[in-house]
Amino acid sequence: MPNNQTANALRTLLVSGYIVSSVSRISQGATILSVHKRDRLGGLAASTILLSETPSINVVEMVRRIASESHSQPLLVTSRSVKNIPTLKAAKFFDLLGGIVRSDRLIRDDLSLVLNAFGHNRLPKGFIGKPETLLEEFVKDGLEFLLESRGYHYGQDRLFESVPDGVVLGKLNLYFDGKAYRGGYHPSSDDIKRFAGYVTDFNDRYESVLGRIHSFVVVSGSFTEKKNALETKASNFYARCNTQLCCVTASDFGQIITNIRLQCANRSAINWANIFSQLRIKPTSIASELRRISKDKALD
């Protein structure tokens, strides 16, 4: 299995609450993970997981032996069919864990503070680079995590083209833009016209293949105008391209990611289309969704 897939598996297991006690790379394409997790009643569930596209018979037997000696459950994450041992394809493995986690940037307790600094054009201690660029990269990683979809940060690759900071494609198609301003940000009329142009151009080119842009997400340290002024801008934006403008402070964005990370198994059940249809996205919106999911599970 490729190294990046092994790294994705480790991040996803850690976010899902597992403790990884050992990682053994036994060949170029095979890695064995020993993990465990306690349930709510204190019981210990231990697993020996093999990550390999096409494991050999010897490797499979090694997993059986390690699992037997450690009194754990063996599991093969592979495309190959193996008898008498639990087997999952990689996509199903990640689905059962609540979705893949591709970046370890988000696994930090001070994420909200870090993003707040970036959003106000400040560089926290220990970081190198421009706050605005870092904000854009973290927003891309955060949206990828929340939506379990692939994102792309245009950055320097399309410096001289008229494009937003990036796009996320998958469950929802989102354009995003990070705005790092010390005194706060409020979209100007020219900003709204430009944002709407991005959306219209994408829909004209790709709607028949990829679908429409669902919303345009702006993340900044703070928004300087009163709510009604922002609503006017959002209405203007919608009139131009029939798309929702979403604004979220960098601090709130970090808190939302952290809240979902701590309940990662519920991530795929959240109605993200509703969340990204709101002008001001706040952690309380996510909390309401998580309560709904918990209530639904209790009634099942």
C-alpha atoms as a PDB file:
ATOM      1  CA  MET A   1       0.000   0.000   0.000  1.00  0.00           C
ATOM      2  CA  PRO A   2       1.383   3.464  -0.879  1.00  0.00           C
ATOM      3  CA  ASN A   3       3.032   5.452   1.918  1.00  0.00           C
ATOM      4  CA  ASN A   4       0.438   8.213   1.695  1.00  0.00           C
ATOM      5  CA  GLN A   5      -2.352   5.669   2.222  1.00  0.00           C
ATOM      6  CA  THR A   6      -0.583   4.334   5.315  1.00  0.00           C
ATOM      7  CA  ALA A   7      -0.233   7.887   6.639  1.00  0.00           C
ATOM      8  CA  ASN A   8      -3.933   8.503   5.908  1.00  0.00           C
ATOM      9  CA  ALA A   9      -4.828   5.332   7.811  1.00  0.00           C
ATOM     10  CA  LEU A  10      -2.772   6.413  10.837  1.00  0.00           C
ATOM     11  CA  ARG A  11      -4.299   9.897  10.912  1.00  0.00           C
ATOM     12  CA  THR A  12      -7.815   8.524  10.515  1.00  0.00           C
ATOM     13  CA  LEU A  13      -7.367   5.945  13.281  1.00  0.00           C
ATOM     14  CA  LEU A  14      -5.956   8.567  15.657  1.00  0.00           C
ATOM     15  CA  VAL A  15      -8.787  11.007  14.948  1.00  0.00           C
ATOM     16  CA  SER A  16     -11.247   8.150  15.518  1.00  0.00           C
ATOM     17  CA  GLY A  17      -9.889   7.639  19.021  1.00  0.00           C
ATOM     18  CA  TYR A  18      -7.618   4.632  18.491  1.00  0.00           C
ATOM     19  CA  ILE A  19      -4.226   4.325  20.160  1.00  0.00           C
ATOM     20  CA  VAL A  20      -1.572   3.064  17.767  1.00  0.00           C
ATOM     21  CA  SER A  21       0.873   0.993  19.782  1.00  0.00           C
ATOM     22  CA  SER A  22       3.137  -0.123  16.924  1.00  0.00           C
ATOM     23  CA  VAL A  23       3.720   0.387  13.197  1.00  0.00           C
ATOM     24  CA  SER A  24       5.753  -2.231  11.333  1.00  0.00           C
ATOM     25  CA  ARG A  25       6.574  -1.799   7.677  1.00  0.00           C
ATOM     26  CA  ILE A  26       7.436  -5.344   6.660  1.00  0.00           C
ATOM     27  CA  SER A  27       7.873  -4.717   2.937  1.00  0.00           C
ATOM     28  CA  GLN A  28       7.548  -1.988   0.319  1.00  0.00           C
ATOM     29  CA  GLY A  29       3.810  -2.545   0.032  1.00  0.00           C
ATOM     30  CA  ALA A  30       2.799  -3.969   3.415  1.00  0.00           C
ATOM     31  CA  THR A  31       2.456  -2.370   6.859  1.00  0.00           C
ATOM     32  CA  ILE A  32       1.098  -3.877  10.076  1.00  0.00           C
ATOM     33  CA  LEU A  33      -0.564  -1.635  12.664  1.00  0.00           C
ATOM     34  CA  SER A  34      -1.319  -2.675  16.225  1.00  0.00           C
ATOM     35  CA  VAL A  35      -4.132  -0.513  17.602  1.00  0.00           C
ATOM     36  CA  HIS A  36      -6.577  -0.509  20.493  1.00  0.00           C
ATOM     37  CA  LYS A  37      -9.500   1.518  21.774  1.00  0.00           C
ATOM     38  CA  ARG A  38     -11.659   1.420  24.898  1.00  0.00           C
ATOM     39  CA  ASP A  39     -15.421   1.506  24.579  1.00  0.00           C
ATOM     40  CA  ARG A  40     -17.692   3.602  26.798  1.00  0.00           C
ATOM     41  CA  LEU A  41     -17.885   0.816  29.358  1.00  0.00           C
ATOM     42  CA  GLY A  42     -14.104   0.516  29.592  1.00  0.00           C
ATOM     43  CA  GLY A  43     -13.729  -2.637  27.518  1.00  0.00           C
ATOM     44  CA  LEU A  44     -10.596  -2.904  25.389  1.00  0.00           C
ATOM     45  CA  ALA A  45     -10.896  -3.616  21.655  1.00  0.00           C
ATOM     46  CA  ALA A  46      -7.541  -4.449  20.064  1.00  0.00           C
ATOM     47  CA  SER A  47      -6.822  -5.043  16.381  1.00  0.00           C
ATOM     48  CA  THR A  48      -3.871  -6.083  14.253  1.00  0.00           C
ATOM     49  CA  ILE A  49      -4.348  -4.405  10.880  1.00  0.00           C
ATOM     50  CA  LEU A  50      -2.500  -5.219   7.692  1.00  0.00           C
ATOM     51  CA  LEU A  51      -2.420  -2.533   4.990  1.00  0.00           C
ATOM     52  CA  SER A  52      -1.457  -4.120   1.689  1.00  0.00           C
ATOM     53  CA  GLU A  53      -2.862  -4.224  -1.830  1.00  0.00           C
ATOM     54  CA  THR A  54      -1.774  -7.802  -2.553  1.00  0.00           C
ATOM     55  CA  PRO A  55      -0.380  -9.500   0.566  1.00  0.00           C
ATOM     56  CA  SER A  56       1.536 -12.739   0.216  1.00  0.00           C
ATOM     57  CA  ILE A  57       0.533 -15.900   2.065  1.00  0.00           C
ATOM     58  CA  ASN A  58       3.513 -15.475   4.411  1.00  0.00           C
ATOM     59  CA  VAL A  59       2.445 -11.934   5.311  1.00  0.00           C
ATOM     60  CA  VAL A  60      -1.134 -13.045   6.005  1.00  0.00           C
ATOM     61  CA  GLU A  61       0.136 -15.800   8.279  1.00  0.00           C
ATOM     62  CA  MET A  62       2.332 -13.260  10.077  1.00  0.00           C
ATOM     63  CA  VAL A  63      -0.754 -11.155  10.820  1.00  0.00           C
ATOM     64  CA  ARG A  64      -2.592 -14.225  12.139  1.00  0.00           C
ATOM     65  CA  ARG A  65       0.309 -15.031  14.438  1.00  0.00           C
ATOM     66  CA  ILE A  66       0.716 -11.489  15.779  1.00  0.00           C
ATOM     67  CA  ALA A  67      -3.026 -11.229  16.403  1.00  0.00           C
ATOM     68  CA  SER A  68      -3.090 -14.553  18.223  1.00  0.00           C
ATOM     69  CA  GLU A  69      -0.111 -13.674  20.408  1.00  0.00           C
ATOM     70  CA  SER A  70      -1.509 -10.240  21.283  1.00  0.00           C
ATOM     71  CA  HIS A  71      -5.096 -11.468  21.754  1.00  0.00           C
ATOM     72  CA  SER A  72      -6.304  -8.996  19.131  1.00  0.00           C
ATOM     73  CA  GLN A  73      -8.617  -9.129  16.136  1.00  0.00           C
ATOM     74  CA  PRO A  74      -6.845  -9.519  12.770  1.00  0.00           C
ATOM     75  CA  LEU A  75      -7.996  -7.333   9.872  1.00  0.00           C
ATOM     76  CA  LEU A  76      -6.719  -7.099   6.320  1.00  0.00           C
ATOM     77  CA  VAL A  77      -7.202  -3.857   4.402  1.00  0.00           C
ATOM     78  CA  THR A  78      -6.624  -5.065   0.884  1.00  0.00           C
ATOM     79  CA  SER A  79      -8.141  -5.554  -2.549  1.00  0.00           C
ATOM     80  CA  ARG A  80      -7.365  -9.256  -2.402  1.00  0.00           C
ATOM     81  CA  SER A  81      -9.878 -11.884  -1.263  1.00  0.00           C
ATOM     82  CA  VAL A  82      -8.539 -13.907   1.698  1.00  0.00           C
ATOM     83  CA  LYS A  83     -10.369 -16.789   3.354  1.00  0.00           C
ATOM     84  CA  ASN A  84     -10.993 -17.154   7.093  1.00  0.00           C
ATOM     85  CA  ILE A  85      -9.839 -13.671   8.082  1.00  0.00           C
ATOM     86  CA  PRO A  86     -11.789 -10.374   8.132  1.00  0.00           C
ATOM     87  CA  THR A  87     -11.022  -8.315   5.025  1.00  0.00           C
ATOM     88  CA  LEU A  88     -12.002  -4.813   3.949  1.00  0.00           C
ATOM     89  CA  LYS A  89     -11.248  -2.755   0.891  1.00  0.00           C
ATOM     90  CA  ALA A  90      -9.577   0.569   1.661  1.00  0.00           C
ATOM     91  CA  ALA A  91     -12.655   2.653   0.810  1.00  0.00           C
ATOM     92  CA  LYS A  92     -14.865   0.639   3.192  1.00  0.00           C
ATOM     93  CA  PHE A  93     -12.200   0.762   5.925  1.00  0.00           C
ATOM     94  CA  PHE A  94     -12.139   4.564   5.843  1.00  0.00           C
ATOM     95  CA  ASP A  95     -15.939   4.779   5.604  1.00  0.00           C
ATOM     96  CA  LEU A  96     -16.318   2.728   8.798  1.00  0.00           C
ATOM     97  CA  LEU A  97     -13.985   5.140  10.581  1.00  0.00           C
ATOM     98  CA  GLY A  98     -16.075   8.133   9.550  1.00  0.00           C
ATOM     99  CA  GLY A  99     -14.102   9.079   6.461  1.00  0.00           C
ATOM    100  CA  ILE A 100     -10.482   9.582   5.504  1.00  0.00           C
ATOM    101  CA  VAL A 101      -8.297  12.202   7.230  1.00  0.00           C
ATOM    102  CA  ARG A 102      -5.643  13.413   4.798  1.00  0.00           C
ATOM    103  CA  SER A 103      -3.870  16.101   6.840  1.00  0.00           C
ATOM    104  CA  ASP A 104      -2.324  16.105  10.301  1.00  0.00           C
ATOM    105  CA  ARG A 105      -2.417  19.923  10.388  1.00  0.00           C
ATOM    106  CA  LEU A 106      -5.894  19.695  11.845  1.00  0.00           C
ATOM    107  CA  ILE A 107      -4.968  17.420  14.766  1.00  0.00           C
ATOM    108  CA  ARG A 108      -4.045  20.160  17.225  1.00  0.00           C
ATOM    109  CA  ASP A 109      -5.867  21.511  20.265  1.00  0.00           C
ATOM    110  CA  ASP A 110      -5.022  25.140  19.455  1.00  0.00           C
ATOM    111  CA  LEU A 111      -6.357  25.037  15.895  1.00  0.00           C
ATOM    112  CA  SER A 112      -8.921  27.770  16.539  1.00  0.00           C
ATOM    113  CA  LEU A 113      -6.254  30.120  17.933  1.00  0.00           C
ATOM    114  CA  VAL A 114      -3.864  29.399  15.062  1.00  0.00           C
ATOM    115  CA  LEU A 115      -6.488  30.050  12.410  1.00  0.00           C
ATOM    116  CA  ASN A 116      -7.628  33.205  14.195  1.00  0.00           C
ATOM    117  CA  ALA A 117      -4.061  34.530  13.993  1.00  0.00           C
ATOM    118  CA  PHE A 118      -3.807  33.695  10.297  1.00  0.00           C
ATOM    119  CA  GLY A 119      -7.171  35.334   9.659  1.00  0.00           C
ATOM    120  CA  HIS A 120      -5.939  38.562  11.255  1.00  0.00           C
ATOM    121  CA  ASN A 121      -2.725  38.435   9.198  1.00  0.00           C
ATOM    122  CA  ARG A 122      -0.531  37.387  12.121  1.00  0.00           C
ATOM    123  CA  LEU A 123       2.018  34.571  12.130  1.00  0.00           C
ATOM    124  CA  PRO A 124       1.898  32.420  15.303  1.00  0.00           C
ATOM    125  CA  LYS A 125       5.144  31.261  16.856  1.00  0.00           C
ATOM    126  CA  GLY A 126       6.530  28.135  15.192  1.00  0.00           C
ATOM    127  CA  PHE A 127       5.054  28.802  11.740  1.00  0.00           C
ATOM    128  CA  ILE A 128       6.925  29.867   8.616  1.00  0.00           C
ATOM    129  CA  GLY A 129       5.345  31.610   5.633  1.00  0.00           C
ATOM    130  CA  LYS A 130       2.727  34.211   4.888  1.00  0.00           C
ATOM    131  CA  PRO A 131      -0.380  34.151   7.127  1.00  0.00           C
ATOM    132  CA  GLU A 132      -2.729  34.520   4.149  1.00  0.00           C
ATOM    133  CA  THR A 133      -1.174  31.570   2.305  1.00  0.00           C
ATOM    134  CA  LEU A 134      -1.259  29.430   5.442  1.00  0.00           C
ATOM    135  CA  LEU A 135      -4.902  30.375   6.007  1.00  0.00           C
ATOM    136  CA  GLU A 136      -5.779  29.305   2.455  1.00  0.00           C
ATOM    137  CA  GLU A 137      -3.986  25.969   2.896  1.00  0.00           C
ATOM    138  CA  PHE A 138      -5.647  25.249   6.254  1.00  0.00           C
ATOM    139  CA  VAL A 139      -9.063  26.147   4.841  1.00  0.00           C
ATOM    140  CA  LYS A 140      -8.522  23.689   1.987  1.00  0.00           C
ATOM    141  CA  ASP A 141      -7.477  20.943   4.421  1.00  0.00           C
ATOM    142  CA  GLY A 142     -10.386  21.738   6.734  1.00  0.00           C
ATOM    143  CA  LEU A 143     -13.024  21.603   4.012  1.00  0.00           C
ATOM    144  CA  GLU A 144     -11.535  18.355   2.704  1.00  0.00           C
ATOM    145  CA  PHE A 145     -11.841  16.882   6.184  1.00  0.00           C
ATOM    146  CA  LEU A 146     -15.384  18.100   6.843  1.00  0.00           C
ATOM    147  CA  LEU A 147     -16.790  17.040   3.477  1.00  0.00           C
ATOM    148  CA  GLU A 148     -14.637  13.922   2.963  1.00  0.00           C
ATOM    149  CA  SER A 149     -13.842  15.291  -0.492  1.00  0.00           C
ATOM    150  CA  ARG A 150     -10.817  16.390  -2.461  1.00  0.00           C
ATOM    151  CA  GLY A 151      -9.783  20.015  -2.496  1.00  0.00           C
ATOM    152  CA  TYR A 152      -7.287  21.992  -4.481  1.00  0.00           C
ATOM    153  CA  HIS A 153      -5.470  25.169  -3.442  1.00  0.00           C
ATOM    154  CA  TYR A 154      -4.662  27.115  -6.569  1.00  0.00           C
ATOM    155  CA  GLY A 155      -1.971  29.197  -4.889  1.00  0.00           C
ATOM    156  CA  GLN A 156       0.960  30.126  -7.100  1.00  0.00           C
ATOM    157  CA  ASP A 157      -0.019  27.622  -9.808  1.00  0.00           C
ATOM    158  CA  ARG A 158      -2.630  29.995 -11.222  1.00  0.00           C
ATOM    159  CA  LEU A 159      -1.281  33.272  -9.897  1.00  0.00           C
ATOM    160  CA  PHE A 160      -2.124  35.299 -12.993  1.00  0.00           C
ATOM    161  CA  GLU A 161      -5.572  33.782 -13.579  1.00  0.00           C
ATOM    162  CA  SER A 162      -8.858  35.091 -12.215  1.00  0.00           C
ATOM    163  CA  VAL A 163      -9.696  32.278  -9.780  1.00  0.00           C
ATOM    164  CA  PRO A 164     -10.533  32.017  -6.052  1.00  0.00           C
ATOM    165  CA  ASP A 165      -8.068  30.533  -3.576  1.00  0.00           C
ATOM    166  CA  GLY A 166      -9.340  27.029  -4.208  1.00  0.00           C
ATOM    167  CA  VAL A 167     -12.105  24.545  -4.818  1.00  0.00           C
ATOM    168  CA  VAL A 168     -13.481  21.415  -3.114  1.00  0.00           C
ATOM    169  CA  LEU A 169     -15.215  18.864  -5.326  1.00  0.00           C
ATOM    170  CA  GLY A 170     -17.282  15.900  -4.175  1.00  0.00           C
ATOM    171  CA  LYS A 171     -20.306  15.752  -1.891  1.00  0.00           C
ATOM    172  CA  LEU A 172     -20.654  19.487  -2.413  1.00  0.00           C
ATOM    173  CA  ASN A 173     -18.790  21.674  -4.852  1.00  0.00           C
ATOM    174  CA  LEU A 174     -17.452  24.690  -2.975  1.00  0.00           C
ATOM    175  CA  TYR A 175     -15.271  27.590  -3.941  1.00  0.00           C
ATOM    176  CA  PHE A 176     -13.326  29.079  -1.028  1.00  0.00           C
ATOM    177  CA  ASP A 177     -11.323  32.214  -0.321  1.00  0.00           C
ATOM    178  CA  GLY A 178      -9.218  33.051   2.728  1.00  0.00           C
ATOM    179  CA  LYS A 179      -8.945  36.718   3.701  1.00  0.00           C
ATOM    180  CA  ALA A 180      -6.202  37.722   6.150  1.00  0.00           C
ATOM    181  CA  TYR A 181      -6.846  41.282   7.387  1.00  0.00           C
ATOM    182  CA  ARG A 182      -5.713  42.691  10.727  1.00  0.00           C
ATOM    183  CA  GLY A 183      -8.731  44.958  11.015  1.00  0.00           C
ATOM    184  CA  GLY A 184     -11.312  42.511   9.688  1.00  0.00           C
ATOM    185  CA  TYR A 185     -12.776  41.965   6.224  1.00  0.00           C
ATOM    186  CA  HIS A 186     -15.960  43.013   4.468  1.00  0.00           C
ATOM    187  CA  PRO A 187     -16.548  42.080   0.820  1.00  0.00           C
ATOM    188  CA  SER A 188     -16.676  45.094  -1.467  1.00  0.00           C
ATOM    189  CA  SER A 189     -19.000  45.376  -4.448  1.00  0.00           C
ATOM    190  CA  ASP A 190     -16.035  44.514  -6.684  1.00  0.00           C
ATOM    191  CA  ASP A 191     -15.349  41.403  -4.545  1.00  0.00           C
ATOM    192  CA  ILE A 192     -18.947  40.248  -4.951  1.00  0.00           C
ATOM    193  CA  LYS A 193     -18.833  40.813  -8.696  1.00  0.00           C
ATOM    194  CA  ARG A 194     -15.540  38.906  -8.943  1.00  0.00           C
ATOM    195  CA  PHE A 195     -16.728  36.008  -6.736  1.00  0.00           C
ATOM    196  CA  ALA A 196     -19.901  35.682  -8.810  1.00  0.00           C
ATOM    197  CA  GLY A 197     -17.798  35.668 -11.978  1.00  0.00           C
ATOM    198  CA  TYR A 198     -15.750  32.745 -10.654  1.00  0.00           C
ATOM    199  CA  VAL A 199     -18.928  30.754  -9.960  1.00  0.00           C
ATOM    200  CA  THR A 200     -20.575  31.554 -13.288  1.00  0.00           C
ATOM    201  CA  ASP A 201     -17.437  30.598 -15.194  1.00  0.00           C
ATOM    202  CA  PHE A 202     -17.166  27.249 -13.349  1.00  0.00           C
ATOM    203  CA  ASN A 203     -20.843  26.413 -13.896  1.00  0.00           C
ATOM    204  CA  ASP A 204     -20.682  27.302 -17.573  1.00  0.00           C
ATOM    205  CA  ARG A 205     -17.632  25.092 -18.089  1.00  0.00           C
ATOM    206  CA  TYR A 206     -18.200  22.116 -15.792  1.00  0.00           C
ATOM    207  CA  GLU A 207     -21.819  21.880 -14.603  1.00  0.00           C
ATOM    208  CA  SER A 208     -22.699  19.103 -17.063  1.00  0.00           C
ATOM    209  CA  VAL A 209     -19.800  16.970 -15.783  1.00  0.00           C
ATOM    210  CA  LEU A 210     -19.145  17.981 -12.162  1.00  0.00           C
ATOM    211  CA  GLY A 211     -22.341  19.753 -11.133  1.00  0.00           C
ATOM    212  CA  ARG A 212     -22.782  23.342  -9.961  1.00  0.00           C
ATOM    213  CA  ILE A 213     -20.924  25.250  -7.278  1.00  0.00           C
ATOM    214  CA  HIS A 214     -23.120  24.920  -4.171  1.00  0.00           C
ATOM    215  CA  SER A 215     -21.676  27.864  -2.270  1.00  0.00           C
ATOM    216  CA  PHE A 216     -18.770  30.279  -2.044  1.00  0.00           C
ATOM    217  CA  VAL A 217     -17.091  30.125   1.369  1.00  0.00           C
ATOM    218  CA  VAL A 218     -15.141  33.099   2.735  1.00  0.00           C
ATOM    219  CA  VAL A 219     -12.976  32.583   5.844  1.00  0.00           C
ATOM    220  CA  SER A 220     -11.450  35.593   7.615  1.00  0.00           C
ATOM    221  CA  GLY A 221     -10.354  36.651  11.075  1.00  0.00           C
ATOM    222  CA  SER A 222     -13.458  38.807  11.472  1.00  0.00           C
ATOM    223  CA  PHE A 223     -16.068  40.551   9.368  1.00  0.00           C
ATOM    224  CA  THR A 224     -16.198  44.302   9.936  1.00  0.00           C
ATOM    225  CA  GLU A 225     -19.705  45.252   8.842  1.00  0.00           C
ATOM    226  CA  LYS A 226     -22.954  44.614  10.660  1.00  0.00           C
ATOM    227  CA  LYS A 227     -24.961  41.513   9.766  1.00  0.00           C
ATOM    228  CA  ASN A 228     -27.501  43.408   7.641  1.00  0.00           C
ATOM    229  CA  ALA A 229     -24.740  44.836   5.458  1.00  0.00           C
ATOM    230  CA  LEU A 230     -23.367  41.343   4.902  1.00  0.00           C
ATOM    231  CA  GLU A 231     -26.848  40.081   4.067  1.00  0.00           C
ATOM    232  CA  THR A 232     -27.123  42.755   1.388  1.00  0.00           C
ATOM    233  CA  LYS A 233     -23.849  41.585  -0.145  1.00  0.00           C
ATOM    234  CA  ALA A 234     -25.023  37.960  -0.028  1.00  0.00           C
ATOM    235  CA  SER A 235     -28.285  38.873  -1.762  1.00  0.00           C
ATOM    236  CA  ASN A 236     -26.348  40.729  -4.459  1.00  0.00           C
ATOM    237  CA  PHE A 237     -24.101  37.702  -4.899  1.00  0.00           C
ATOM    238  CA  TYR A 238     -27.063  35.315  -5.177  1.00  0.00           C
ATOM    239  CA  ALA A 239     -28.765  37.570  -7.725  1.00  0.00           C
ATOM    240  CA  ARG A 240     -25.668  37.389  -9.907  1.00  0.00           C
ATOM    241  CA  CYS A 241     -25.011  33.627  -9.845  1.00  0.00           C
ATOM    242  CA  ASN A 242     -27.813  31.817  -7.919  1.00  0.00           C
ATOM    243  CA  THR A 243     -25.312  30.620  -5.324  1.00  0.00           C
ATOM    244  CA  GLN A 244     -25.077  31.061  -1.549  1.00  0.00           C
ATOM    245  CA  LEU A 245     -22.321  33.184  -0.037  1.00  0.00           C
ATOM    246  CA  CYS A 246     -21.087  31.694   3.258  1.00  0.00           C
ATOM    247  CA  CYS A 247     -18.954  33.614   5.766  1.00  0.00           C
ATOM    248  CA  VAL A 248     -17.192  32.012   8.719  1.00  0.00           C
ATOM    249  CA  THR A 249     -14.588  33.481  11.040  1.00  0.00           C
ATOM    250  CA  ALA A 250     -11.274  31.647  11.117  1.00  0.00           C
ATOM    251  CA  SER A 251     -11.677  30.970  14.832  1.00  0.00           C
ATOM    252  CA  ASP A 252     -15.134  29.447  14.331  1.00  0.00           C
ATOM    253  CA  PHE A 253     -13.859  27.398  11.404  1.00  0.00           C
ATOM    254  CA  GLY A 254     -11.151  25.933  13.630  1.00  0.00           C
ATOM    255  CA  GLN A 255     -13.687  25.187  16.377  1.00  0.00           C
ATOM    256  CA  ILE A 256     -16.002  23.458  13.901  1.00  0.00           C
ATOM    257  CA  ILE A 257     -13.166  21.230  12.687  1.00  0.00           C
ATOM    258  CA  THR A 258     -12.173  20.372  16.256  1.00  0.00           C
ATOM    259  CA  ASN A 259     -15.774  19.566  17.250  1.00  0.00           C
ATOM    260  CA  ILE A 260     -16.138  17.224  14.261  1.00  0.00           C
ATOM    261  CA  ARG A 261     -12.719  15.672  14.888  1.00  0.00           C
ATOM    262  CA  LEU A 262     -13.826  14.726  18.394  1.00  0.00           C
ATOM    263  CA  GLN A 263     -16.959  13.044  16.978  1.00  0.00           C
ATOM    264  CA  CYS A 264     -15.509  11.898  13.684  1.00  0.00           C
ATOM    265  CA  ALA A 265     -17.823   8.921  13.276  1.00  0.00           C
ATOM    266  CA  ASN A 266     -20.769  11.318  12.893  1.00  0.00           C
ATOM    267  CA  ARG A 267     -19.133  13.414  10.181  1.00  0.00           C
ATOM    268  CA  SER A 268     -20.756  11.714   7.202  1.00  0.00           C
ATOM    269  CA  ALA A 269     -24.253  11.987   8.762  1.00  0.00           C
ATOM    270  CA  ILE A 270     -24.177  15.787   8.946  1.00  0.00           C
ATOM    271  CA  ASN A 271     -26.360  17.620   6.440  1.00  0.00           C
ATOM    272  CA  TRP A 272     -23.551  19.707   4.984  1.00  0.00           C
ATOM    273  CA  ALA A 273     -25.783  21.077   2.220  1.00  0.00           C
ATOM    274  CA  ASN A 274     -27.831  22.828   4.920  1.00  0.00           C
ATOM    275  CA  ILE A 275     -24.741  24.034   6.776  1.00  0.00           C
ATOM    276  CA  PHE A 276     -23.244  25.534   3.615  1.00  0.00           C
ATOM    277  CA  SER A 277     -26.500  27.252   2.755  1.00  0.00           C
ATOM    278  CA  GLN A 278     -26.139  29.676   5.678  1.00  0.00           C
ATOM    279  CA  LEU A 279     -24.663  33.154   5.399  1.00  0.00           C
ATOM    280  CA  ARG A 280     -22.942  32.976   8.783  1.00  0.00           C
ATOM    281  CA  ILE A 281     -21.681  29.513   9.680  1.00  0.00           C
ATOM    282  CA  LYS A 282     -21.046  29.037  13.399  1.00  0.00           C
ATOM    283  CA  PRO A 283     -20.131  26.149  15.709  1.00  0.00           C
ATOM    284  CA  THR A 284     -23.689  26.223  17.093  1.00  0.00           C
ATOM    285  CA  SER A 285     -24.980  25.080  13.690  1.00  0.00           C
ATOM    286  CA  ILE A 286     -22.724  22.025  13.860  1.00  0.00           C
ATOM    287  CA  ALA A 287     -23.677  21.373  17.482  1.00  0.00           C
ATOM    288  CA  SER A 288     -27.335  21.258  16.465  1.00  0.00           C
ATOM    289  CA  GLU A 289     -26.555  18.736  13.765  1.00  0.00           C
ATOM    290  CA  LEU A 290     -24.554  16.559  16.149  1.00  0.00           C
ATOM    291  CA  ARG A 291     -27.434  16.596  18.673  1.00  0.00           C
ATOM    292  CA  ARG A 292     -29.840  15.576  15.908  1.00  0.00           C
ATOM    293  CA  ILE A 293     -27.598  12.686  14.906  1.00  0.00           C
ATOM    294  CA  SER A 294     -27.248  11.503  18.513  1.00  0.00           C
ATOM    295  CA  LYS A 295     -31.008  11.665  18.966  1.00  0.00           C
ATOM    296  CA  ASP A 296     -31.619   9.714  15.755  1.00  0.00           C
ATOM    297  CA  LYS A 297     -29.159   7.027  16.848  1.00  0.00           C
ATOM    298  CA  ALA A 298     -30.855   6.764  20.256  1.00  0.00           C
ATOM    299  CA  LEU A 299     -34.209   6.184  18.530  1.00  0.00           C
ATOM    300  CA  ASP A 300     -32.885   3.521  16.155  1.00  0.00           C
END
